Amino acid sequence: ADRCRDILRDMGRAGKDDLHLRQAPLMAVISEAAEPHSHRGKHI
């Protein structure tokens, strides 16, 4: 039960980020867009 609580807490935190963060600072949105390509050997 404790393990399920921890898993749901992490899922809930990630879900709330998508559900409630309808706005964000400009540079944060840019970083989010670039995140999948930030570890491809090129410096952004």
ModelCIF file with pLDDT and N, C-alpha, C, O atoms, coordinates in Angstrom:
data_MODEL
#
_entry.id   MODEL 
#
_entity.id                         1 
_entity.type                       polymer 
_entity.pdbx_number_of_molecules   1 
#
_entity_poly.entity_id                      1 
_entity_poly.type                           'polypeptide(L)' 
_entity_poly.nstd_linkage                   no 
_entity_poly.nstd_monomer                   no 
_entity_poly.pdbx_seq_one_letter_code       ADRCRDILRDMGRAGKDDLHLRQAPLMAVISEAAEPHSHRGKHI 
_entity_poly.pdbx_seq_one_letter_code_can   ADRCRDILRDMGRAGKDDLHLRQAPLMAVISEAAEPHSHRGKHI 
_entity_poly.pdbx_strand_id                 A 
#
loop_
_entity_poly_seq.entity_id 
_entity_poly_seq.num 
_entity_poly_seq.mon_id 
_entity_poly_seq.hetero 
1 1  ALA n 
1 2  ASP n 
1 3  ARG n 
1 4  CYS n 
1 5  ARG n 
1 6  ASP n 
1 7  ILE n 
1 8  LEU n 
1 9  ARG n 
1 10 ASP n 
1 11 MET n 
1 12 GLY n 
1 13 ARG n 
1 14 ALA n 
1 15 GLY n 
1 16 LYS n 
1 17 ASP n 
1 18 ASP n 
1 19 LEU n 
1 20 HIS n 
1 21 LEU n 
1 22 ARG n 
1 23 GLN n 
1 24 ALA n 
1 25 PRO n 
1 26 LEU n 
1 27 MET n 
1 28 ALA n 
1 29 VAL n 
1 30 ILE n 
1 31 SER n 
1 32 GLU n 
1 33 ALA n 
1 34 ALA n 
1 35 GLU n 
1 36 PRO n 
1 37 HIS n 
1 38 SER n 
1 39 HIS n 
1 40 ARG n 
1 41 GLY n 
1 42 LYS n 
1 43 HIS n 
1 44 ILE n 
#
_struct_asym.id          A 
_struct_asym.entity_id   1 
#
loop_
_ma_qa_metric.id 
_ma_qa_metric.mode 
_ma_qa_metric.name 
_ma_qa_metric.software_group_id 
_ma_qa_metric.type 
1 global pLDDT . pLDDT 
2 local  pLDDT . pLDDT 
#
_ma_qa_metric_global.metric_id      1 
_ma_qa_metric_global.metric_value   74.11 
_ma_qa_metric_global.model_id       1 
_ma_qa_metric_global.ordinal_id     1 
#
loop_
_ma_qa_metric_local.label_asym_id 
_ma_qa_metric_local.label_comp_id 
_ma_qa_metric_local.label_seq_id 
_ma_qa_metric_local.metric_id 
_ma_qa_metric_local.metric_value 
_ma_qa_metric_local.model_id 
_ma_qa_metric_local.ordinal_id 
A ALA 1  2 82.00 1 1  
A ASP 2  2 82.00 1 2  
A ARG 3  2 82.00 1 3  
A CYS 4  2 82.00 1 4  
A ARG 5  2 76.00 1 5  
A ASP 6  2 78.00 1 6  
A ILE 7  2 77.00 1 7  
A LEU 8  2 71.00 1 8  
A ARG 9  2 69.00 1 9  
A ASP 10 2 68.00 1 10 
A MET 11 2 63.00 1 11 
A GLY 12 2 56.00 1 12 
A ARG 13 2 56.00 1 13 
A ALA 14 2 52.00 1 14 
A GLY 15 2 48.00 1 15 
A LYS 16 2 47.00 1 16 
A ASP 17 2 48.00 1 17 
A ASP 18 2 47.00 1 18 
A LEU 19 2 42.00 1 19 
A HIS 20 2 44.00 1 20 
A LEU 21 2 53.00 1 21 
A ARG 22 2 68.00 1 22 
A GLN 23 2 76.00 1 23 
A ALA 24 2 79.00 1 24 
A PRO 25 2 83.00 1 25 
A LEU 26 2 85.00 1 26 
A MET 27 2 86.00 1 27 
A ALA 28 2 85.00 1 28 
A VAL 29 2 86.00 1 29 
A ILE 30 2 88.00 1 30 
A SER 31 2 87.00 1 31 
A GLU 32 2 84.00 1 32 
A ALA 33 2 86.00 1 33 
A ALA 34 2 88.00 1 34 
A GLU 35 2 86.00 1 35 
A PRO 36 2 85.00 1 36 
A HIS 37 2 87.00 1 37 
A SER 38 2 82.00 1 38 
A HIS 39 2 83.00 1 39 
A ARG 40 2 83.00 1 40 
A GLY 41 2 84.00 1 41 
A LYS 42 2 88.00 1 42 
A HIS 43 2 89.00 1 43 
A ILE 44 2 90.00 1 44 
#
loop_
_atom_site.group_PDB 
_atom_site.id 
_atom_site.type_symbol 
_atom_site.label_atom_id 
_atom_site.label_alt_id 
_atom_site.label_comp_id 
_atom_site.label_asym_id 
_atom_site.label_entity_id 
_atom_site.label_seq_id 
_atom_site.pdbx_PDB_ins_code 
_atom_site.Cartn_x 
_atom_site.Cartn_y 
_atom_site.Cartn_z 
_atom_site.occupancy 
_atom_site.B_iso_or_equiv 
_atom_site.pdbx_formal_charge 
_atom_site.auth_seq_id 
_atom_site.auth_comp_id 
_atom_site.auth_asym_id 
_atom_site.auth_atom_id 
_atom_site.pdbx_PDB_model_num 
ATOM 1   N N  . ALA A 1 1  ? 0.831  -1.204 0.000   1.00 82.00 ? 1  ALA A N  1 
ATOM 2   C CA . ALA A 1 1  ? 0.000  0.000  0.000   1.00 82.00 ? 1  ALA A CA 1 
ATOM 3   C C  . ALA A 1 1  ? 0.865  1.253  0.000   1.00 82.00 ? 1  ALA A C  1 
ATOM 4   O O  . ALA A 1 1  ? 0.545  2.225  -0.684  1.00 82.00 ? 1  ALA A O  1 
ATOM 5   N N  . ASP A 1 2  ? 1.971  1.241  0.769   1.00 82.00 ? 2  ASP A N  1 
ATOM 6   C CA . ASP A 1 2  ? 2.896  2.376  0.755   1.00 82.00 ? 2  ASP A CA 1 
ATOM 7   C C  . ASP A 1 2  ? 3.519  2.555  -0.629  1.00 82.00 ? 2  ASP A C  1 
ATOM 8   O O  . ASP A 1 2  ? 3.696  3.676  -1.106  1.00 82.00 ? 2  ASP A O  1 
ATOM 9   N N  . ARG A 1 3  ? 3.847  1.432  -1.261  1.00 82.00 ? 3  ARG A N  1 
ATOM 10  C CA . ARG A 1 3  ? 4.439  1.516  -2.594  1.00 82.00 ? 3  ARG A CA 1 
ATOM 11  C C  . ARG A 1 3  ? 3.452  2.116  -3.599  1.00 82.00 ? 3  ARG A C  1 
ATOM 12  O O  . ARG A 1 3  ? 3.814  2.960  -4.419  1.00 82.00 ? 3  ARG A O  1 
ATOM 13  N N  . CYS A 1 4  ? 2.200  1.663  -3.517  1.00 82.00 ? 4  CYS A N  1 
ATOM 14  C CA . CYS A 1 4  ? 1.177  2.236  -4.396  1.00 82.00 ? 4  CYS A CA 1 
ATOM 15  C C  . CYS A 1 4  ? 0.996  3.723  -4.128  1.00 82.00 ? 4  CYS A C  1 
ATOM 16  O O  . CYS A 1 4  ? 0.787  4.505  -5.056  1.00 82.00 ? 4  CYS A O  1 
ATOM 17  N N  . ARG A 1 5  ? 1.078  4.118  -2.852  1.00 76.00 ? 5  ARG A N  1 
ATOM 18  C CA . ARG A 1 5  ? 0.932  5.534  -2.507  1.00 76.00 ? 5  ARG A CA 1 
ATOM 19  C C  . ARG A 1 5  ? 2.044  6.361  -3.153  1.00 76.00 ? 5  ARG A C  1 
ATOM 20  O O  . ARG A 1 5  ? 1.794  7.439  -3.691  1.00 76.00 ? 5  ARG A O  1 
ATOM 21  N N  . ASP A 1 6  ? 3.276  5.843  -3.095  1.00 78.00 ? 6  ASP A N  1 
ATOM 22  C CA . ASP A 1 6  ? 4.394  6.571  -3.690  1.00 78.00 ? 6  ASP A CA 1 
ATOM 23  C C  . ASP A 1 6  ? 4.247  6.686  -5.212  1.00 78.00 ? 6  ASP A C  1 
ATOM 24  O O  . ASP A 1 6  ? 4.505  7.736  -5.802  1.00 78.00 ? 6  ASP A O  1 
ATOM 25  N N  . ILE A 1 7  ? 3.822  5.568  -5.832  1.00 77.00 ? 7  ILE A N  1 
ATOM 26  C CA . ILE A 1 7  ? 3.652  5.588  -7.293  1.00 77.00 ? 7  ILE A CA 1 
ATOM 27  C C  . ILE A 1 7  ? 2.578  6.599  -7.683  1.00 77.00 ? 7  ILE A C  1 
ATOM 28  O O  . ILE A 1 7  ? 2.765  7.384  -8.612  1.00 77.00 ? 7  ILE A O  1 
ATOM 29  N N  . LEU A 1 8  ? 1.459  6.577  -6.971  1.00 71.00 ? 8  LEU A N  1 
ATOM 30  C CA . LEU A 1 8  ? 0.372  7.495  -7.296  1.00 71.00 ? 8  LEU A CA 1 
ATOM 31  C C  . LEU A 1 8  ? 0.746  8.944  -7.016  1.00 71.00 ? 8  LEU A C  1 
ATOM 32  O O  . LEU A 1 8  ? 0.285  9.856  -7.702  1.00 71.00 ? 8  LEU A O  1 
ATOM 33  N N  . ARG A 1 9  ? 1.591  9.153  -5.997  1.00 69.00 ? 9  ARG A N  1 
ATOM 34  C CA . ARG A 1 9  ? 2.024  10.516 -5.713  1.00 69.00 ? 9  ARG A CA 1 
ATOM 35  C C  . ARG A 1 9  ? 2.845  11.067 -6.875  1.00 69.00 ? 9  ARG A C  1 
ATOM 36  O O  . ARG A 1 9  ? 2.668  12.215 -7.283  1.00 69.00 ? 9  ARG A O  1 
ATOM 37  N N  . ASP A 1 10 ? 3.755  10.228 -7.410  1.00 68.00 ? 10 ASP A N  1 
ATOM 38  C CA . ASP A 1 10 ? 4.553  10.668 -8.550  1.00 68.00 ? 10 ASP A CA 1 
ATOM 39  C C  . ASP A 1 10 ? 3.682  10.874 -9.792  1.00 68.00 ? 10 ASP A C  1 
ATOM 40  O O  . ASP A 1 10 ? 3.850  11.841 -10.536 1.00 68.00 ? 10 ASP A O  1 
ATOM 41  N N  . MET A 1 11 ? 2.738  9.933  -9.999  1.00 63.00 ? 11 MET A N  1 
ATOM 42  C CA . MET A 1 11 ? 1.842  10.084 -11.149 1.00 63.00 ? 11 MET A CA 1 
ATOM 43  C C  . MET A 1 11 ? 0.968  11.313 -11.007 1.00 63.00 ? 11 MET A C  1 
ATOM 44  O O  . MET A 1 11 ? 0.744  12.048 -11.968 1.00 63.00 ? 11 MET A O  1 
ATOM 45  N N  . GLY A 1 12 ? 0.483  11.523 -9.810  1.00 56.00 ? 12 GLY A N  1 
ATOM 46  C CA . GLY A 1 12 ? -0.358 12.689 -9.582  1.00 56.00 ? 12 GLY A CA 1 
ATOM 47  C C  . GLY A 1 12 ? 0.393  13.984 -9.786  1.00 56.00 ? 12 GLY A C  1 
ATOM 48  O O  . GLY A 1 12 ? -0.161 14.953 -10.306 1.00 56.00 ? 12 GLY A O  1 
ATOM 49  N N  . ARG A 1 13 ? 1.677  14.008 -9.372  1.00 56.00 ? 13 ARG A N  1 
ATOM 50  C CA . ARG A 1 13 ? 2.474  15.209 -9.558  1.00 56.00 ? 13 ARG A CA 1 
ATOM 51  C C  . ARG A 1 13 ? 2.680  15.493 -11.043 1.00 56.00 ? 13 ARG A C  1 
ATOM 52  O O  . ARG A 1 13 ? 2.561  16.634 -11.488 1.00 56.00 ? 13 ARG A O  1 
ATOM 53  N N  . ALA A 1 14 ? 2.994  14.431 -11.814 1.00 52.00 ? 14 ALA A N  1 
ATOM 54  C CA . ALA A 1 14 ? 3.179  14.612 -13.263 1.00 52.00 ? 14 ALA A CA 1 
ATOM 55  C C  . ALA A 1 14 ? 1.870  14.986 -13.929 1.00 52.00 ? 14 ALA A C  1 
ATOM 56  O O  . ALA A 1 14 ? 1.845  15.829 -14.826 1.00 52.00 ? 14 ALA A O  1 
ATOM 57  N N  . GLY A 1 15 ? 0.782  14.366 -13.498 1.00 48.00 ? 15 GLY A N  1 
ATOM 58  C CA . GLY A 1 15 ? -0.512 14.675 -14.091 1.00 48.00 ? 15 GLY A CA 1 
ATOM 59  C C  . GLY A 1 15 ? -0.941 16.093 -13.818 1.00 48.00 ? 15 GLY A C  1 
ATOM 60  O O  . GLY A 1 15 ? -1.471 16.770 -14.698 1.00 48.00 ? 15 GLY A O  1 
ATOM 61  N N  . LYS A 1 16 ? -0.709 16.558 -12.569 1.00 47.00 ? 16 LYS A N  1 
ATOM 62  C CA . LYS A 1 16 ? -1.089 17.923 -12.248 1.00 47.00 ? 16 LYS A CA 1 
ATOM 63  C C  . LYS A 1 16 ? -0.260 18.930 -13.031 1.00 47.00 ? 16 LYS A C  1 
ATOM 64  O O  . LYS A 1 16 ? -0.741 20.009 -13.377 1.00 47.00 ? 16 LYS A O  1 
ATOM 65  N N  . ASP A 1 17 ? 0.999  18.569 -13.310 1.00 48.00 ? 17 ASP A N  1 
ATOM 66  C CA . ASP A 1 17 ? 1.814  19.469 -14.118 1.00 48.00 ? 17 ASP A CA 1 
ATOM 67  C C  . ASP A 1 17 ? 1.162  19.706 -15.468 1.00 48.00 ? 17 ASP A C  1 
ATOM 68  O O  . ASP A 1 17 ? 1.148  20.833 -15.962 1.00 48.00 ? 17 ASP A O  1 
ATOM 69  N N  . ASP A 1 18 ? 0.613  18.636 -16.079 1.00 47.00 ? 18 ASP A N  1 
ATOM 70  C CA . ASP A 1 18 ? -0.028 18.791 -17.378 1.00 47.00 ? 18 ASP A CA 1 
ATOM 71  C C  . ASP A 1 18 ? -1.419 19.379 -17.259 1.00 47.00 ? 18 ASP A C  1 
ATOM 72  O O  . ASP A 1 18 ? -1.851 20.135 -18.129 1.00 47.00 ? 18 ASP A O  1 
ATOM 73  N N  . LEU A 1 19 ? -2.132 19.036 -16.178 1.00 42.00 ? 19 LEU A N  1 
ATOM 74  C CA . LEU A 1 19 ? -3.518 19.449 -16.061 1.00 42.00 ? 19 LEU A CA 1 
ATOM 75  C C  . LEU A 1 19 ? -3.645 20.903 -15.646 1.00 42.00 ? 19 LEU A C  1 
ATOM 76  O O  . LEU A 1 19 ? -4.465 21.638 -16.197 1.00 42.00 ? 19 LEU A O  1 
ATOM 77  N N  . HIS A 1 20 ? -2.846 21.322 -14.686 1.00 44.00 ? 20 HIS A N  1 
ATOM 78  C CA . HIS A 1 20 ? -3.034 22.642 -14.104 1.00 44.00 ? 20 HIS A CA 1 
ATOM 79  C C  . HIS A 1 20 ? -2.051 23.679 -14.633 1.00 44.00 ? 20 HIS A C  1 
ATOM 80  O O  . HIS A 1 20 ? -2.320 24.876 -14.535 1.00 44.00 ? 20 HIS A O  1 
ATOM 81  N N  . LEU A 1 21 ? -0.923 23.255 -15.188 1.00 53.00 ? 21 LEU A N  1 
ATOM 82  C CA . LEU A 1 21 ? 0.053  24.224 -15.676 1.00 53.00 ? 21 LEU A CA 1 
ATOM 83  C C  . LEU A 1 21 ? -0.327 24.617 -17.097 1.00 53.00 ? 21 LEU A C  1 
ATOM 84  O O  . LEU A 1 21 ? 0.345  24.254 -18.062 1.00 53.00 ? 21 LEU A O  1 
ATOM 85  N N  . ARG A 1 22 ? -1.429 25.373 -17.203 1.00 68.00 ? 22 ARG A N  1 
ATOM 86  C CA . ARG A 1 22 ? -1.881 25.830 -18.508 1.00 68.00 ? 22 ARG A CA 1 
ATOM 87  C C  . ARG A 1 22 ? -1.049 26.999 -18.999 1.00 68.00 ? 22 ARG A C  1 
ATOM 88  O O  . ARG A 1 22 ? -1.127 27.362 -20.172 1.00 68.00 ? 22 ARG A O  1 
ATOM 89  N N  . GLN A 1 23 ? -0.268 27.584 -18.137 1.00 76.00 ? 23 GLN A N  1 
ATOM 90  C CA . GLN A 1 23 ? 0.602  28.669 -18.518 1.00 76.00 ? 23 GLN A CA 1 
ATOM 91  C C  . GLN A 1 23 ? 1.974  28.440 -17.896 1.00 76.00 ? 23 GLN A C  1 
ATOM 92  O O  . GLN A 1 23 ? 2.106  27.713 -16.911 1.00 76.00 ? 23 GLN A O  1 
ATOM 93  N N  . ALA A 1 24 ? 2.976  29.056 -18.467 1.00 79.00 ? 24 ALA A N  1 
ATOM 94  C CA . ALA A 1 24 ? 4.340  28.910 -17.961 1.00 79.00 ? 24 ALA A CA 1 
ATOM 95  C C  . ALA A 1 24 ? 5.169  30.055 -18.499 1.00 79.00 ? 24 ALA A C  1 
ATOM 96  O O  . ALA A 1 24 ? 4.823  30.638 -19.527 1.00 79.00 ? 24 ALA A O  1 
ATOM 97  N N  . PRO A 1 25 ? 6.262  30.392 -17.823 1.00 83.00 ? 25 PRO A N  1 
ATOM 98  C CA . PRO A 1 25 ? 7.163  31.410 -18.372 1.00 83.00 ? 25 PRO A CA 1 
ATOM 99  C C  . PRO A 1 25 ? 7.681  30.995 -19.744 1.00 83.00 ? 25 PRO A C  1 
ATOM 100 O O  . PRO A 1 25 ? 7.796  29.808 -20.049 1.00 83.00 ? 25 PRO A O  1 
ATOM 101 N N  . LEU A 1 26 ? 7.985  31.981 -20.553 1.00 85.00 ? 26 LEU A N  1 
ATOM 102 C CA . LEU A 1 26 ? 8.399  31.732 -21.929 1.00 85.00 ? 26 LEU A CA 1 
ATOM 103 C C  . LEU A 1 26 ? 9.582  30.781 -22.010 1.00 85.00 ? 26 LEU A C  1 
ATOM 104 O O  . LEU A 1 26 ? 9.557  29.833 -22.794 1.00 85.00 ? 26 LEU A O  1 
ATOM 105 N N  . MET A 1 27 ? 10.617 31.018 -21.212 1.00 86.00 ? 27 MET A N  1 
ATOM 106 C CA . MET A 1 27 ? 11.813 30.185 -21.282 1.00 86.00 ? 27 MET A CA 1 
ATOM 107 C C  . MET A 1 27 ? 11.528 28.763 -20.805 1.00 86.00 ? 27 MET A C  1 
ATOM 108 O O  . MET A 1 27 ? 12.167 27.818 -21.267 1.00 86.00 ? 27 MET A O  1 
ATOM 109 N N  . ALA A 1 28 ? 10.564 28.600 -19.872 1.00 85.00 ? 28 ALA A N  1 
ATOM 110 C CA . ALA A 1 28 ? 10.199 27.257 -19.424 1.00 85.00 ? 28 ALA A CA 1 
ATOM 111 C C  . ALA A 1 28 ? 9.515  26.481 -20.544 1.00 85.00 ? 28 ALA A C  1 
ATOM 112 O O  . ALA A 1 28 ? 9.765  25.288 -20.712 1.00 85.00 ? 28 ALA A O  1 
ATOM 113 N N  . VAL A 1 29 ? 8.657  27.143 -21.308 1.00 86.00 ? 29 VAL A N  1 
ATOM 114 C CA . VAL A 1 29 ? 7.999  26.484 -22.432 1.00 86.00 ? 29 VAL A CA 1 
ATOM 115 C C  . VAL A 1 29 ? 9.029  26.092 -23.493 1.00 86.00 ? 29 VAL A C  1 
ATOM 116 O O  . VAL A 1 29 ? 8.943  25.013 -24.079 1.00 86.00 ? 29 VAL A O  1 
ATOM 117 N N  . ILE A 1 30 ? 10.001 26.973 -23.734 1.00 88.00 ? 30 ILE A N  1 
ATOM 118 C CA . ILE A 1 30 ? 11.039 26.659 -24.712 1.00 88.00 ? 30 ILE A CA 1 
ATOM 119 C C  . ILE A 1 30 ? 11.858 25.457 -24.247 1.00 88.00 ? 30 ILE A C  1 
ATOM 120 O O  . ILE A 1 30 ? 12.165 24.567 -25.040 1.00 88.00 ? 30 ILE A O  1 
ATOM 121 N N  . SER A 1 31 ? 12.213 25.433 -22.959 1.00 87.00 ? 31 SER A N  1 
ATOM 122 C CA . SER A 1 31 ? 12.986 24.304 -22.431 1.00 87.00 ? 31 SER A CA 1 
ATOM 123 C C  . SER A 1 31 ? 12.194 23.009 -22.528 1.00 87.00 ? 31 SER A C  1 
ATOM 124 O O  . SER A 1 31 ? 12.755 21.956 -22.834 1.00 87.00 ? 31 SER A O  1 
ATOM 125 N N  . GLU A 1 32 ? 10.896 23.083 -22.269 1.00 84.00 ? 32 GLU A N  1 
ATOM 126 C CA . GLU A 1 32 ? 10.058 21.882 -22.380 1.00 84.00 ? 32 GLU A CA 1 
ATOM 127 C C  . GLU A 1 32 ? 10.015 21.373 -23.815 1.00 84.00 ? 32 GLU A C  1 
ATOM 128 O O  . GLU A 1 32 ? 10.076 20.167 -24.054 1.00 84.00 ? 32 GLU A O  1 
ATOM 129 N N  . ALA A 1 33 ? 9.909  22.303 -24.776 1.00 86.00 ? 33 ALA A N  1 
ATOM 130 C CA . ALA A 1 33 ? 9.880  21.888 -26.175 1.00 86.00 ? 33 ALA A CA 1 
ATOM 131 C C  . ALA A 1 33 ? 11.202 21.254 -26.606 1.00 86.00 ? 33 ALA A C  1 
ATOM 132 O O  . ALA A 1 33 ? 11.212 20.321 -27.409 1.00 86.00 ? 33 ALA A O  1 
ATOM 133 N N  . ALA A 1 34 ? 12.314 21.760 -26.075 1.00 88.00 ? 34 ALA A N  1 
ATOM 134 C CA . ALA A 1 34 ? 13.629 21.265 -26.488 1.00 88.00 ? 34 ALA A CA 1 
ATOM 135 C C  . ALA A 1 34 ? 14.089 20.053 -25.701 1.00 88.00 ? 34 ALA A C  1 
ATOM 136 O O  . ALA A 1 34 ? 15.078 19.425 -26.081 1.00 88.00 ? 34 ALA A O  1 
ATOM 137 N N  . GLU A 1 35 ? 13.406 19.697 -24.611 1.00 86.00 ? 35 GLU A N  1 
ATOM 138 C CA . GLU A 1 35 ? 13.881 18.646 -23.716 1.00 86.00 ? 35 GLU A CA 1 
ATOM 139 C C  . GLU A 1 35 ? 14.152 17.306 -24.406 1.00 86.00 ? 35 GLU A C  1 
ATOM 140 O O  . GLU A 1 35 ? 15.167 16.684 -24.091 1.00 86.00 ? 35 GLU A O  1 
ATOM 141 N N  . PRO A 1 36 ? 13.294 16.811 -25.344 1.00 85.00 ? 36 PRO A N  1 
ATOM 142 C CA . PRO A 1 36 ? 13.596 15.517 -25.977 1.00 85.00 ? 36 PRO A CA 1 
ATOM 143 C C  . PRO A 1 36 ? 14.899 15.511 -26.777 1.00 85.00 ? 36 PRO A C  1 
ATOM 144 O O  . PRO A 1 36 ? 15.430 14.440 -27.070 1.00 85.00 ? 36 PRO A O  1 
ATOM 145 N N  . HIS A 1 37 ? 15.424 16.688 -27.135 1.00 87.00 ? 37 HIS A N  1 
ATOM 146 C CA . HIS A 1 37 ? 16.621 16.758 -27.966 1.00 87.00 ? 37 HIS A CA 1 
ATOM 147 C C  . HIS A 1 37 ? 17.819 17.330 -27.208 1.00 87.00 ? 37 HIS A C  1 
ATOM 148 O O  . HIS A 1 37 ? 18.828 17.679 -27.821 1.00 87.00 ? 37 HIS A O  1 
ATOM 149 N N  . SER A 1 38 ? 17.718 17.429 -25.884 1.00 82.00 ? 38 SER A N  1 
ATOM 150 C CA . SER A 1 38 ? 18.784 18.034 -25.094 1.00 82.00 ? 38 SER A CA 1 
ATOM 151 C C  . SER A 1 38 ? 19.930 17.064 -24.806 1.00 82.00 ? 38 SER A C  1 
ATOM 152 O O  . SER A 1 38 ? 20.979 17.488 -24.323 1.00 82.00 ? 38 SER A O  1 
ATOM 153 N N  . HIS A 1 39 ? 19.756 15.790 -25.088 1.00 83.00 ? 39 HIS A N  1 
ATOM 154 C CA . HIS A 1 39 ? 20.789 14.793 -24.794 1.00 83.00 ? 39 HIS A CA 1 
ATOM 155 C C  . HIS A 1 39 ? 21.211 14.056 -26.068 1.00 83.00 ? 39 HIS A C  1 
ATOM 156 O O  . HIS A 1 39 ? 21.448 12.849 -26.036 1.00 83.00 ? 39 HIS A O  1 
ATOM 157 N N  . ARG A 1 40 ? 21.301 14.756 -27.150 1.00 83.00 ? 40 ARG A N  1 
ATOM 158 C CA . ARG A 1 40 ? 21.649 14.148 -28.436 1.00 83.00 ? 40 ARG A CA 1 
ATOM 159 C C  . ARG A 1 40 ? 23.045 14.548 -28.892 1.00 83.00 ? 40 ARG A C  1 
ATOM 160 O O  . ARG A 1 40 ? 23.357 14.465 -30.080 1.00 83.00 ? 40 ARG A O  1 
ATOM 161 N N  . GLY A 1 41 ? 23.871 14.972 -27.977 1.00 84.00 ? 41 GLY A N  1 
ATOM 162 C CA . GLY A 1 41 ? 25.253 15.280 -28.313 1.00 84.00 ? 41 GLY A CA 1 
ATOM 163 C C  . GLY A 1 41 ? 25.484 16.694 -28.786 1.00 84.00 ? 41 GLY A C  1 
ATOM 164 O O  . GLY A 1 41 ? 26.619 17.040 -29.113 1.00 84.00 ? 41 GLY A O  1 
ATOM 165 N N  . LYS A 1 42 ? 24.453 17.536 -28.840 1.00 88.00 ? 42 LYS A N  1 
ATOM 166 C CA . LYS A 1 42 ? 24.594 18.932 -29.233 1.00 88.00 ? 42 LYS A CA 1 
ATOM 167 C C  . LYS A 1 42 ? 24.252 19.815 -28.026 1.00 88.00 ? 42 LYS A C  1 
ATOM 168 O O  . LYS A 1 42 ? 23.372 19.479 -27.234 1.00 88.00 ? 42 LYS A O  1 
ATOM 169 N N  . HIS A 1 43 ? 24.945 20.927 -27.898 1.00 89.00 ? 43 HIS A N  1 
ATOM 170 C CA . HIS A 1 43 ? 24.747 21.841 -26.772 1.00 89.00 ? 43 HIS A CA 1 
ATOM 171 C C  . HIS A 1 43 ? 23.712 22.889 -27.168 1.00 89.00 ? 43 HIS A C  1 
ATOM 172 O O  . HIS A 1 43 ? 23.920 23.649 -28.113 1.00 89.00 ? 43 HIS A O  1 
ATOM 173 N N  . ILE A 1 44 ? 22.601 22.925 -26.445 1.00 90.00 ? 44 ILE A N  1 
ATOM 174 C CA . ILE A 1 44 ? 21.547 23.900 -26.708 1.00 90.00 ? 44 ILE A CA 1 
ATOM 175 C C  . ILE A 1 44 ? 21.700 25.053 -25.720 1.00 90.00 ? 44 ILE A C  1 
ATOM 176 O O  . ILE A 1 44 ? 20.916 26.002 -25.752 1.00 90.00 ? 44 ILE A O  1 
#
